[in-house]
Amino acid sequence: LDIQTAPQNRLQPVPDDLRAMDFEGLMVASPANPTGTMLDTAAMGA
């Protein structure tokens, strides 16, 4: 399930992107390929 991440979130997923979706797993990458952006402690914890 592709999450269309937003530039204002530096192209990283946030809970509001996912809350309405049904899924059994979430894969995140930090630092990410291809963007090189990262999730901080609060963002990953959420």
ModelCIF file with pLDDT and N, C-alpha, C, O atoms, coordinates in Angstrom:
data_MODEL
#
_entry.id   MODEL 
#
_entity.id                         1 
_entity.type                       polymer 
_entity.pdbx_number_of_molecules   1 
#
_entity_poly.entity_id                      1 
_entity_poly.type                           'polypeptide(L)' 
_entity_poly.nstd_linkage                   no 
_entity_poly.nstd_monomer                   no 
_entity_poly.pdbx_seq_one_letter_code       LDIQTAPQNRLQPVPDDLRAMDFEGLMVASPANPTGTMLDTAAMGA 
_entity_poly.pdbx_seq_one_letter_code_can   LDIQTAPQNRLQPVPDDLRAMDFEGLMVASPANPTGTMLDTAAMGA 
_entity_poly.pdbx_strand_id                 A 
#
loop_
_entity_poly_seq.entity_id 
_entity_poly_seq.num 
_entity_poly_seq.mon_id 
_entity_poly_seq.hetero 
1 1  LEU n 
1 2  ASP n 
1 3  ILE n 
1 4  GLN n 
1 5  THR n 
1 6  ALA n 
1 7  PRO n 
1 8  GLN n 
1 9  ASN n 
1 10 ARG n 
1 11 LEU n 
1 12 GLN n 
1 13 PRO n 
1 14 VAL n 
1 15 PRO n 
1 16 ASP n 
1 17 ASP n 
1 18 LEU n 
1 19 ARG n 
1 20 ALA n 
1 21 MET n 
1 22 ASP n 
1 23 PHE n 
1 24 GLU n 
1 25 GLY n 
1 26 LEU n 
1 27 MET n 
1 28 VAL n 
1 29 ALA n 
1 30 SER n 
1 31 PRO n 
1 32 ALA n 
1 33 ASN n 
1 34 PRO n 
1 35 THR n 
1 36 GLY n 
1 37 THR n 
1 38 MET n 
1 39 LEU n 
1 40 ASP n 
1 41 THR n 
1 42 ALA n 
1 43 ALA n 
1 44 MET n 
1 45 GLY n 
1 46 ALA n 
#
_struct_asym.id          A 
_struct_asym.entity_id   1 
#
loop_
_ma_qa_metric.id 
_ma_qa_metric.mode 
_ma_qa_metric.name 
_ma_qa_metric.software_group_id 
_ma_qa_metric.type 
1 global pLDDT . pLDDT 
2 local  pLDDT . pLDDT 
#
_ma_qa_metric_global.metric_id      1 
_ma_qa_metric_global.metric_value   96.74 
_ma_qa_metric_global.model_id       1 
_ma_qa_metric_global.ordinal_id     1 
#
loop_
_ma_qa_metric_local.label_asym_id 
_ma_qa_metric_local.label_comp_id 
_ma_qa_metric_local.label_seq_id 
_ma_qa_metric_local.metric_id 
_ma_qa_metric_local.metric_value 
_ma_qa_metric_local.model_id 
_ma_qa_metric_local.ordinal_id 
A LEU 1  2 97.00 1 1  
A ASP 2  2 95.00 1 2  
A ILE 3  2 95.00 1 3  
A GLN 4  2 95.00 1 4  
A THR 5  2 96.00 1 5  
A ALA 6  2 95.00 1 6  
A PRO 7  2 93.00 1 7  
A GLN 8  2 94.00 1 8  
A ASN 9  2 95.00 1 9  
A ARG 10 2 94.00 1 10 
A LEU 11 2 95.00 1 11 
A GLN 12 2 97.00 1 12 
A PRO 13 2 97.00 1 13 
A VAL 14 2 98.00 1 14 
A PRO 15 2 98.00 1 15 
A ASP 16 2 97.00 1 16 
A ASP 17 2 97.00 1 17 
A LEU 18 2 97.00 1 18 
A ARG 19 2 95.00 1 19 
A ALA 20 2 95.00 1 20 
A MET 21 2 95.00 1 21 
A ASP 22 2 97.00 1 22 
A PHE 23 2 98.00 1 23 
A GLU 24 2 98.00 1 24 
A GLY 25 2 98.00 1 25 
A LEU 26 2 98.00 1 26 
A MET 27 2 98.00 1 27 
A VAL 28 2 98.00 1 28 
A ALA 29 2 98.00 1 29 
A SER 30 2 98.00 1 30 
A PRO 31 2 98.00 1 31 
A ALA 32 2 97.00 1 32 
A ASN 33 2 96.00 1 33 
A PRO 34 2 96.00 1 34 
A THR 35 2 97.00 1 35 
A GLY 36 2 97.00 1 36 
A THR 37 2 97.00 1 37 
A MET 38 2 98.00 1 38 
A LEU 39 2 98.00 1 39 
A ASP 40 2 97.00 1 40 
A THR 41 2 98.00 1 41 
A ALA 42 2 98.00 1 42 
A ALA 43 2 98.00 1 43 
A MET 44 2 98.00 1 44 
A GLY 45 2 98.00 1 45 
A ALA 46 2 98.00 1 46 
#
loop_
_atom_site.group_PDB 
_atom_site.id 
_atom_site.type_symbol 
_atom_site.label_atom_id 
_atom_site.label_alt_id 
_atom_site.label_comp_id 
_atom_site.label_asym_id 
_atom_site.label_entity_id 
_atom_site.label_seq_id 
_atom_site.pdbx_PDB_ins_code 
_atom_site.Cartn_x 
_atom_site.Cartn_y 
_atom_site.Cartn_z 
_atom_site.occupancy 
_atom_site.B_iso_or_equiv 
_atom_site.pdbx_formal_charge 
_atom_site.auth_seq_id 
_atom_site.auth_comp_id 
_atom_site.auth_asym_id 
_atom_site.auth_atom_id 
_atom_site.pdbx_PDB_model_num 
ATOM 1   N N  . LEU A 1 1  ? 0.856  -1.183 0.000  1.00 97.00 ? 1  LEU A N  1 
ATOM 2   C CA . LEU A 1 1  ? 0.000  0.000  0.000  1.00 97.00 ? 1  LEU A CA 1 
ATOM 3   C C  . LEU A 1 1  ? 0.896  1.238  0.000  1.00 97.00 ? 1  LEU A C  1 
ATOM 4   O O  . LEU A 1 1  ? 1.546  1.532  1.003  1.00 97.00 ? 1  LEU A O  1 
ATOM 5   N N  . ASP A 1 2  ? 0.934  1.957  -1.111 1.00 95.00 ? 2  ASP A N  1 
ATOM 6   C CA . ASP A 1 2  ? 1.760  3.157  -1.186 1.00 95.00 ? 2  ASP A CA 1 
ATOM 7   C C  . ASP A 1 2  ? 1.127  4.294  -0.399 1.00 95.00 ? 2  ASP A C  1 
ATOM 8   O O  . ASP A 1 2  ? -0.061 4.584  -0.539 1.00 95.00 ? 2  ASP A O  1 
ATOM 9   N N  . ILE A 1 3  ? 1.942  4.928  0.428  1.00 95.00 ? 3  ILE A N  1 
ATOM 10  C CA . ILE A 1 3  ? 1.515  6.130  1.159  1.00 95.00 ? 3  ILE A CA 1 
ATOM 11  C C  . ILE A 1 3  ? 2.098  7.323  0.417  1.00 95.00 ? 3  ILE A C  1 
ATOM 12  O O  . ILE A 1 3  ? 3.318  7.468  0.338  1.00 95.00 ? 3  ILE A O  1 
ATOM 13  N N  . GLN A 1 4  ? 1.247  8.169  -0.121 1.00 95.00 ? 4  GLN A N  1 
ATOM 14  C CA . GLN A 1 4  ? 1.733  9.354  -0.828 1.00 95.00 ? 4  GLN A CA 1 
ATOM 15  C C  . GLN A 1 4  ? 2.134  10.410 0.207  1.00 95.00 ? 4  GLN A C  1 
ATOM 16  O O  . GLN A 1 4  ? 1.301  11.179 0.687  1.00 95.00 ? 4  GLN A O  1 
ATOM 17  N N  . THR A 1 5  ? 3.409  10.427 0.532  1.00 96.00 ? 5  THR A N  1 
ATOM 18  C CA . THR A 1 5  ? 3.914  11.329 1.566  1.00 96.00 ? 5  THR A CA 1 
ATOM 19  C C  . THR A 1 5  ? 3.983  12.761 1.048  1.00 96.00 ? 5  THR A C  1 
ATOM 20  O O  . THR A 1 5  ? 4.020  12.997 -0.160 1.00 96.00 ? 5  THR A O  1 
ATOM 21  N N  . ALA A 1 6  ? 4.000  13.709 1.976  1.00 95.00 ? 6  ALA A N  1 
ATOM 22  C CA . ALA A 1 6  ? 3.874  15.119 1.612  1.00 95.00 ? 6  ALA A CA 1 
ATOM 23  C C  . ALA A 1 6  ? 5.204  15.855 1.747  1.00 95.00 ? 6  ALA A C  1 
ATOM 24  O O  . ALA A 1 6  ? 5.991  15.552 2.644  1.00 95.00 ? 6  ALA A O  1 
ATOM 25  N N  . PRO A 1 7  ? 5.462  16.822 0.860  1.00 93.00 ? 7  PRO A N  1 
ATOM 26  C CA . PRO A 1 7  ? 6.698  17.611 0.973  1.00 93.00 ? 7  PRO A CA 1 
ATOM 27  C C  . PRO A 1 7  ? 6.840  18.294 2.328  1.00 93.00 ? 7  PRO A C  1 
ATOM 28  O O  . PRO A 1 7  ? 7.948  18.406 2.853  1.00 93.00 ? 7  PRO A O  1 
ATOM 29  N N  . GLN A 1 8  ? 5.713  18.755 2.904  1.00 94.00 ? 8  GLN A N  1 
ATOM 30  C CA . GLN A 1 8  ? 5.812  19.440 4.196  1.00 94.00 ? 8  GLN A CA 1 
ATOM 31  C C  . GLN A 1 8  ? 6.238  18.499 5.318  1.00 94.00 ? 8  GLN A C  1 
ATOM 32  O O  . GLN A 1 8  ? 6.669  18.954 6.378  1.00 94.00 ? 8  GLN A O  1 
ATOM 33  N N  . ASN A 1 9  ? 6.120  17.179 5.091  1.00 95.00 ? 9  ASN A N  1 
ATOM 34  C CA . ASN A 1 9  ? 6.613  16.187 6.044  1.00 95.00 ? 9  ASN A CA 1 
ATOM 35  C C  . ASN A 1 9  ? 7.942  15.584 5.588  1.00 95.00 ? 9  ASN A C  1 
ATOM 36  O O  . ASN A 1 9  ? 8.353  14.518 6.045  1.00 95.00 ? 9  ASN A O  1 
ATOM 37  N N  . ARG A 1 10 ? 8.603  16.302 4.669  1.00 94.00 ? 10 ARG A N  1 
ATOM 38  C CA . ARG A 1 10 ? 9.896  15.892 4.130  1.00 94.00 ? 10 ARG A CA 1 
ATOM 39  C C  . ARG A 1 10 ? 9.829  14.487 3.542  1.00 94.00 ? 10 ARG A C  1 
ATOM 40  O O  . ARG A 1 10 ? 10.778 13.707 3.625  1.00 94.00 ? 10 ARG A O  1 
ATOM 41  N N  . LEU A 1 11 ? 8.659  14.187 2.936  1.00 95.00 ? 11 LEU A N  1 
ATOM 42  C CA . LEU A 1 11 ? 8.417  12.931 2.235  1.00 95.00 ? 11 LEU A CA 1 
ATOM 43  C C  . LEU A 1 11 ? 8.602  11.705 3.131  1.00 95.00 ? 11 LEU A C  1 
ATOM 44  O O  . LEU A 1 11 ? 9.048  10.648 2.683  1.00 95.00 ? 11 LEU A O  1 
ATOM 45  N N  . GLN A 1 12 ? 8.249  11.874 4.406  1.00 97.00 ? 12 GLN A N  1 
ATOM 46  C CA . GLN A 1 12 ? 8.173  10.763 5.351  1.00 97.00 ? 12 GLN A CA 1 
ATOM 47  C C  . GLN A 1 12 ? 6.709  10.569 5.762  1.00 97.00 ? 12 GLN A C  1 
ATOM 48  O O  . GLN A 1 12 ? 5.970  11.550 5.847  1.00 97.00 ? 12 GLN A O  1 
ATOM 49  N N  . PRO A 1 13 ? 6.274  9.337  6.019  1.00 97.00 ? 13 PRO A N  1 
ATOM 50  C CA . PRO A 1 13 ? 4.884  9.124  6.445  1.00 97.00 ? 13 PRO A CA 1 
ATOM 51  C C  . PRO A 1 13 ? 4.624  9.675  7.835  1.00 97.00 ? 13 PRO A C  1 
ATOM 52  O O  . PRO A 1 13 ? 5.517  9.707  8.681  1.00 97.00 ? 13 PRO A O  1 
ATOM 53  N N  . VAL A 1 14 ? 3.400  10.104 8.058  1.00 98.00 ? 14 VAL A N  1 
ATOM 54  C CA . VAL A 1 14 ? 2.937  10.550 9.376  1.00 98.00 ? 14 VAL A CA 1 
ATOM 55  C C  . VAL A 1 14 ? 1.622  9.827  9.662  1.00 98.00 ? 14 VAL A C  1 
ATOM 56  O O  . VAL A 1 14 ? 0.974  9.345  8.733  1.00 98.00 ? 14 VAL A O  1 
ATOM 57  N N  . PRO A 1 15 ? 1.215  9.744  10.939 1.00 98.00 ? 15 PRO A N  1 
ATOM 58  C CA . PRO A 1 15 ? 0.006  8.983  11.267 1.00 98.00 ? 15 PRO A CA 1 
ATOM 59  C C  . PRO A 1 15 ? -1.233 9.404  10.491 1.00 98.00 ? 15 PRO A C  1 
ATOM 60  O O  . PRO A 1 15 ? -2.050 8.553  10.141 1.00 98.00 ? 15 PRO A O  1 
ATOM 61  N N  . ASP A 1 16 ? -1.395 10.693 10.212 1.00 97.00 ? 16 ASP A N  1 
ATOM 62  C CA . ASP A 1 16 ? -2.589 11.136 9.481  1.00 97.00 ? 16 ASP A CA 1 
ATOM 63  C C  . ASP A 1 16 ? -2.649 10.554 8.073  1.00 97.00 ? 16 ASP A C  1 
ATOM 64  O O  . ASP A 1 16 ? -3.735 10.434 7.506  1.00 97.00 ? 16 ASP A O  1 
ATOM 65  N N  . ASP A 1 17 ? -1.499 10.189 7.498  1.00 97.00 ? 17 ASP A N  1 
ATOM 66  C CA . ASP A 1 17 ? -1.490 9.549  6.180  1.00 97.00 ? 17 ASP A CA 1 
ATOM 67  C C  . ASP A 1 17 ? -2.062 8.142  6.233  1.00 97.00 ? 17 ASP A C  1 
ATOM 68  O O  . ASP A 1 17 ? -2.502 7.602  5.218  1.00 97.00 ? 17 ASP A O  1 
ATOM 69  N N  . LEU A 1 18 ? -2.055 7.546  7.437  1.00 97.00 ? 18 LEU A N  1 
ATOM 70  C CA . LEU A 1 18 ? -2.313 6.116  7.583  1.00 97.00 ? 18 LEU A CA 1 
ATOM 71  C C  . LEU A 1 18 ? -3.568 5.767  8.361  1.00 97.00 ? 18 LEU A C  1 
ATOM 72  O O  . LEU A 1 18 ? -4.055 4.638  8.294  1.00 97.00 ? 18 LEU A O  1 
ATOM 73  N N  . ARG A 1 19 ? -4.095 6.742  9.103  1.00 95.00 ? 19 ARG A N  1 
ATOM 74  C CA . ARG A 1 19 ? -5.128 6.421  10.084 1.00 95.00 ? 19 ARG A CA 1 
ATOM 75  C C  . ARG A 1 19 ? -6.359 5.766  9.465  1.00 95.00 ? 19 ARG A C  1 
ATOM 76  O O  . ARG A 1 19 ? -6.965 4.880  10.069 1.00 95.00 ? 19 ARG A O  1 
ATOM 77  N N  . ALA A 1 20 ? -6.728 6.200  8.264  1.00 95.00 ? 20 ALA A N  1 
ATOM 78  C CA . ALA A 1 20 ? -7.934 5.668  7.622  1.00 95.00 ? 20 ALA A CA 1 
ATOM 79  C C  . ALA A 1 20 ? -7.675 4.387  6.833  1.00 95.00 ? 20 ALA A C  1 
ATOM 80  O O  . ALA A 1 20 ? -8.610 3.803  6.285  1.00 95.00 ? 20 ALA A O  1 
ATOM 81  N N  . MET A 1 21 ? -6.430 3.945  6.766  1.00 95.00 ? 21 MET A N  1 
ATOM 82  C CA . MET A 1 21 ? -6.069 2.759  5.980  1.00 95.00 ? 21 MET A CA 1 
ATOM 83  C C  . MET A 1 21 ? -6.144 1.499  6.834  1.00 95.00 ? 21 MET A C  1 
ATOM 84  O O  . MET A 1 21 ? -5.905 1.533  8.041  1.00 95.00 ? 21 MET A O  1 
ATOM 85  N N  . ASP A 1 22 ? -6.478 0.396  6.190  1.00 97.00 ? 22 ASP A N  1 
ATOM 86  C CA . ASP A 1 22 ? -6.409 -0.906 6.838  1.00 97.00 ? 22 ASP A CA 1 
ATOM 87  C C  . ASP A 1 22 ? -5.138 -1.603 6.369  1.00 97.00 ? 22 ASP A C  1 
ATOM 88  O O  . ASP A 1 22 ? -4.927 -1.770 5.168  1.00 97.00 ? 22 ASP A O  1 
ATOM 89  N N  . PHE A 1 23 ? -4.295 -2.007 7.307  1.00 98.00 ? 23 PHE A N  1 
ATOM 90  C CA . PHE A 1 23 ? -3.051 -2.680 6.938  1.00 98.00 ? 23 PHE A CA 1 
ATOM 91  C C  . PHE A 1 23 ? -2.583 -3.558 8.087  1.00 98.00 ? 23 PHE A C  1 
ATOM 92  O O  . PHE A 1 23 ? -2.938 -3.341 9.246  1.00 98.00 ? 23 PHE A O  1 
ATOM 93  N N  . GLU A 1 24 ? -1.779 -4.552 7.739  1.00 98.00 ? 24 GLU A N  1 
ATOM 94  C CA . GLU A 1 24 ? -1.230 -5.476 8.731  1.00 98.00 ? 24 GLU A CA 1 
ATOM 95  C C  . GLU A 1 24 ? 0.218  -5.166 9.074  1.00 98.00 ? 24 GLU A C  1 
ATOM 96  O O  . GLU A 1 24 ? 0.767  -5.744 10.012 1.00 98.00 ? 24 GLU A O  1 
ATOM 97  N N  . GLY A 1 25 ? 0.847  -4.260 8.325  1.00 98.00 ? 25 GLY A N  1 
ATOM 98  C CA . GLY A 1 25 ? 2.231  -3.919 8.598  1.00 98.00 ? 25 GLY A CA 1 
ATOM 99  C C  . GLY A 1 25 ? 2.586  -2.568 8.018  1.00 98.00 ? 25 GLY A C  1 
ATOM 100 O O  . GLY A 1 25 ? 1.963  -2.102 7.064  1.00 98.00 ? 25 GLY A O  1 
ATOM 101 N N  . LEU A 1 26 ? 3.592  -1.948 8.604  1.00 98.00 ? 26 LEU A N  1 
ATOM 102 C CA . LEU A 1 26 ? 4.126  -0.679 8.110  1.00 98.00 ? 26 LEU A CA 1 
ATOM 103 C C  . LEU A 1 26 ? 5.640  -0.795 8.036  1.00 98.00 ? 26 LEU A C  1 
ATOM 104 O O  . LEU A 1 26 ? 6.289  -1.192 9.004  1.00 98.00 ? 26 LEU A O  1 
ATOM 105 N N  . MET A 1 27 ? 6.196  -0.448 6.885  1.00 98.00 ? 27 MET A N  1 
ATOM 106 C CA . MET A 1 27 ? 7.642  -0.386 6.681  1.00 98.00 ? 27 MET A CA 1 
ATOM 107 C C  . MET A 1 27 ? 8.049  1.071  6.564  1.00 98.00 ? 27 MET A C  1 
ATOM 108 O O  . MET A 1 27 ? 7.507  1.799  5.732  1.00 98.00 ? 27 MET A O  1 
ATOM 109 N N  . VAL A 1 28 ? 9.003  1.509  7.390  1.00 98.00 ? 28 VAL A N  1 
ATOM 110 C CA . VAL A 1 28 ? 9.545  2.860  7.278  1.00 98.00 ? 28 VAL A CA 1 
ATOM 111 C C  . VAL A 1 28 ? 11.046 2.771  7.046  1.00 98.00 ? 28 VAL A C  1 
ATOM 112 O O  . VAL A 1 28 ? 11.673 1.755  7.346  1.00 98.00 ? 28 VAL A O  1 
ATOM 113 N N  . ALA A 1 29 ? 11.612 3.840  6.511  1.00 98.00 ? 29 ALA A N  1 
ATOM 114 C CA . ALA A 1 29 ? 13.057 3.903  6.267  1.00 98.00 ? 29 ALA A CA 1 
ATOM 115 C C  . ALA A 1 29 ? 13.573 5.255  6.707  1.00 98.00 ? 29 ALA A C  1 
ATOM 116 O O  . ALA A 1 29 ? 13.045 6.292  6.305  1.00 98.00 ? 29 ALA A O  1 
ATOM 117 N N  . SER A 1 30 ? 14.607 5.245  7.536  1.00 98.00 ? 30 SER A N  1 
ATOM 118 C CA . SER A 1 30 ? 15.164 6.491  8.050  1.00 98.00 ? 30 SER A CA 1 
ATOM 119 C C  . SER A 1 30 ? 16.631 6.262  8.420  1.00 98.00 ? 30 SER A C  1 
ATOM 120 O O  . SER A 1 30 ? 16.922 5.510  9.350  1.00 98.00 ? 30 SER A O  1 
ATOM 121 N N  . PRO A 1 31 ? 17.565 6.909  7.697  1.00 98.00 ? 31 PRO A N  1 
ATOM 122 C CA . PRO A 1 31 ? 17.405 7.763  6.517  1.00 98.00 ? 31 PRO A CA 1 
ATOM 123 C C  . PRO A 1 31 ? 16.794 6.976  5.353  1.00 98.00 ? 31 PRO A C  1 
ATOM 124 O O  . PRO A 1 31 ? 16.992 5.769  5.216  1.00 98.00 ? 31 PRO A O  1 
ATOM 125 N N  . ALA A 1 32 ? 16.049 7.702  4.526  1.00 97.00 ? 32 ALA A N  1 
ATOM 126 C CA . ALA A 1 32 ? 15.280 7.059  3.476  1.00 97.00 ? 32 ALA A CA 1 
ATOM 127 C C  . ALA A 1 32 ? 16.006 7.101  2.146  1.00 97.00 ? 32 ALA A C  1 
ATOM 128 O O  . ALA A 1 32 ? 16.794 8.005  1.869  1.00 97.00 ? 32 ALA A O  1 
ATOM 129 N N  . ASN A 1 33 ? 15.723 6.116  1.345  1.00 96.00 ? 33 ASN A N  1 
ATOM 130 C CA . ASN A 1 33 ? 16.094 6.099  -0.063 1.00 96.00 ? 33 ASN A CA 1 
ATOM 131 C C  . ASN A 1 33 ? 14.785 6.268  -0.841 1.00 96.00 ? 33 ASN A C  1 
ATOM 132 O O  . ASN A 1 33 ? 13.902 5.420  -0.716 1.00 96.00 ? 33 ASN A O  1 
ATOM 133 N N  . PRO A 1 34 ? 14.626 7.332  -1.641 1.00 96.00 ? 34 PRO A N  1 
ATOM 134 C CA . PRO A 1 34 ? 15.650 8.147  -2.290 1.00 96.00 ? 34 PRO A CA 1 
ATOM 135 C C  . PRO A 1 34 ? 15.888 9.522  -1.686 1.00 96.00 ? 34 PRO A C  1 
ATOM 136 O O  . PRO A 1 34 ? 16.709 10.271 -2.215 1.00 96.00 ? 34 PRO A O  1 
ATOM 137 N N  . THR A 1 35 ? 15.211 9.888  -0.609 1.00 97.00 ? 35 THR A N  1 
ATOM 138 C CA . THR A 1 35 ? 15.203 11.290 -0.175 1.00 97.00 ? 35 THR A CA 1 
ATOM 139 C C  . THR A 1 35 ? 16.317 11.655 0.784  1.00 97.00 ? 35 THR A C  1 
ATOM 140 O O  . THR A 1 35 ? 16.728 12.814 0.840  1.00 97.00 ? 35 THR A O  1 
ATOM 141 N N  . GLY A 1 36 ? 16.821 10.671 1.553  1.00 97.00 ? 36 GLY A N  1 
ATOM 142 C CA . GLY A 1 36 ? 17.802 10.976 2.587  1.00 97.00 ? 36 GLY A CA 1 
ATOM 143 C C  . GLY A 1 36 ? 17.220 11.620 3.825  1.00 97.00 ? 36 GLY A C  1 
ATOM 144 O O  . GLY A 1 36 ? 17.970 11.993 4.727  1.00 97.00 ? 36 GLY A O  1 
ATOM 145 N N  . THR A 1 37 ? 15.882 11.767 3.900  1.00 97.00 ? 37 THR A N  1 
ATOM 146 C CA . THR A 1 37 ? 15.278 12.386 5.081  1.00 97.00 ? 37 THR A CA 1 
ATOM 147 C C  . THR A 1 37 ? 15.104 11.356 6.197  1.00 97.00 ? 37 THR A C  1 
ATOM 148 O O  . THR A 1 37 ? 15.097 10.149 5.952  1.00 97.00 ? 37 THR A O  1 
ATOM 149 N N  . MET A 1 38 ? 14.963 11.862 7.441  1.00 98.00 ? 38 MET A N  1 
ATOM 150 C CA . MET A 1 38 ? 14.914 10.980 8.602  1.00 98.00 ? 38 MET A CA 1 
ATOM 151 C C  . MET A 1 38 ? 13.692 11.268 9.461  1.00 98.00 ? 38 MET A C  1 
ATOM 152 O O  . MET A 1 38 ? 13.121 12.358 9.419  1.00 98.00 ? 38 MET A O  1 
ATOM 153 N N  . LEU A 1 39 ? 13.306 10.263 10.241 1.00 98.00 ? 39 LEU A N  1 
ATOM 154 C CA . LEU A 1 39 ? 12.291 10.390 11.280 1.00 98.00 ? 39 LEU A CA 1 
ATOM 155 C C  . LEU A 1 39 ? 12.983 10.664 12.609 1.00 98.00 ? 39 LEU A C  1 
ATOM 156 O O  . LEU A 1 39 ? 13.899 9.938  12.994 1.00 98.00 ? 39 LEU A O  1 
ATOM 157 N N  . ASP A 1 40 ? 12.547 11.718 13.317 1.00 97.00 ? 40 ASP A N  1 
ATOM 158 C CA . ASP A 1 40 ? 13.096 11.934 14.655 1.00 97.00 ? 40 ASP A CA 1 
ATOM 159 C C  . ASP A 1 40 ? 12.348 11.052 15.656 1.00 97.00 ? 40 ASP A C  1 
ATOM 160 O O  . ASP A 1 40 ? 11.454 10.295 15.278 1.00 97.00 ? 40 ASP A O  1 
ATOM 161 N N  . THR A 1 41 ? 12.717 11.153 16.925 1.00 98.00 ? 41 THR A N  1 
ATOM 162 C CA . THR A 1 41 ? 12.146 10.269 17.937 1.00 98.00 ? 41 THR A CA 1 
ATOM 163 C C  . THR A 1 41 ? 10.636 10.402 18.014 1.00 98.00 ? 41 THR A C  1 
ATOM 164 O O  . THR A 1 41 ? 9.931  9.395  18.081 1.00 98.00 ? 41 THR A O  1 
ATOM 165 N N  . ALA A 1 42 ? 10.126 11.631 18.006 1.00 98.00 ? 42 ALA A N  1 
ATOM 166 C CA . ALA A 1 42 ? 8.684  11.842 18.116 1.00 98.00 ? 42 ALA A CA 1 
ATOM 167 C C  . ALA A 1 42 ? 7.953  11.285 16.903 1.00 98.00 ? 42 ALA A C  1 
ATOM 168 O O  . ALA A 1 42 ? 6.909  10.649 17.042 1.00 98.00 ? 42 ALA A O  1 
ATOM 169 N N  . ALA A 1 43 ? 8.500  11.523 15.714 1.00 98.00 ? 43 ALA A N  1 
ATOM 170 C CA . ALA A 1 43 ? 7.832  11.072 14.492 1.00 98.00 ? 43 ALA A CA 1 
ATOM 171 C C  . ALA A 1 43 ? 7.805  9.543  14.419 1.00 98.00 ? 43 ALA A C  1 
ATOM 172 O O  . ALA A 1 43 ? 6.783  8.957  14.064 1.00 98.00 ? 43 ALA A O  1 
ATOM 173 N N  . MET A 1 44 ? 8.924  8.900  14.753 1.00 98.00 ? 44 MET A N  1 
ATOM 174 C CA . MET A 1 44 ? 8.940  7.437  14.729 1.00 98.00 ? 44 MET A CA 1 
ATOM 175 C C  . MET A 1 44 ? 8.031  6.879  15.819 1.00 98.00 ? 44 MET A C  1 
ATOM 176 O O  . MET A 1 44 ? 7.306  5.910  15.594 1.00 98.00 ? 44 MET A O  1 
ATOM 177 N N  . GLY A 1 45 ? 8.072  7.483  16.982 1.00 98.00 ? 45 GLY A N  1 
ATOM 178 C CA . GLY A 1 45 ? 7.221  7.023  18.085 1.00 98.00 ? 45 GLY A CA 1 
ATOM 179 C C  . GLY A 1 45 ? 5.750  7.101  17.748 1.00 98.00 ? 45 GLY A C  1 
ATOM 180 O O  . GLY A 1 45 ? 4.980  6.221  18.134 1.00 98.00 ? 45 GLY A O  1 
ATOM 181 N N  . ALA A 1 46 ? 5.342  8.142  17.033 1.00 98.00 ? 46 ALA A N  1 
ATOM 182 C CA . ALA A 1 46 ? 3.933  8.281  16.649 1.00 98.00 ? 46 ALA A CA 1 
ATOM 183 C C  . ALA A 1 46 ? 3.505  7.173  15.701 1.00 98.00 ? 46 ALA A C  1 
ATOM 184 O O  . ALA A 1 46 ? 2.350  7.136  15.277 1.00 98.00 ? 46 ALA A O  1 
#
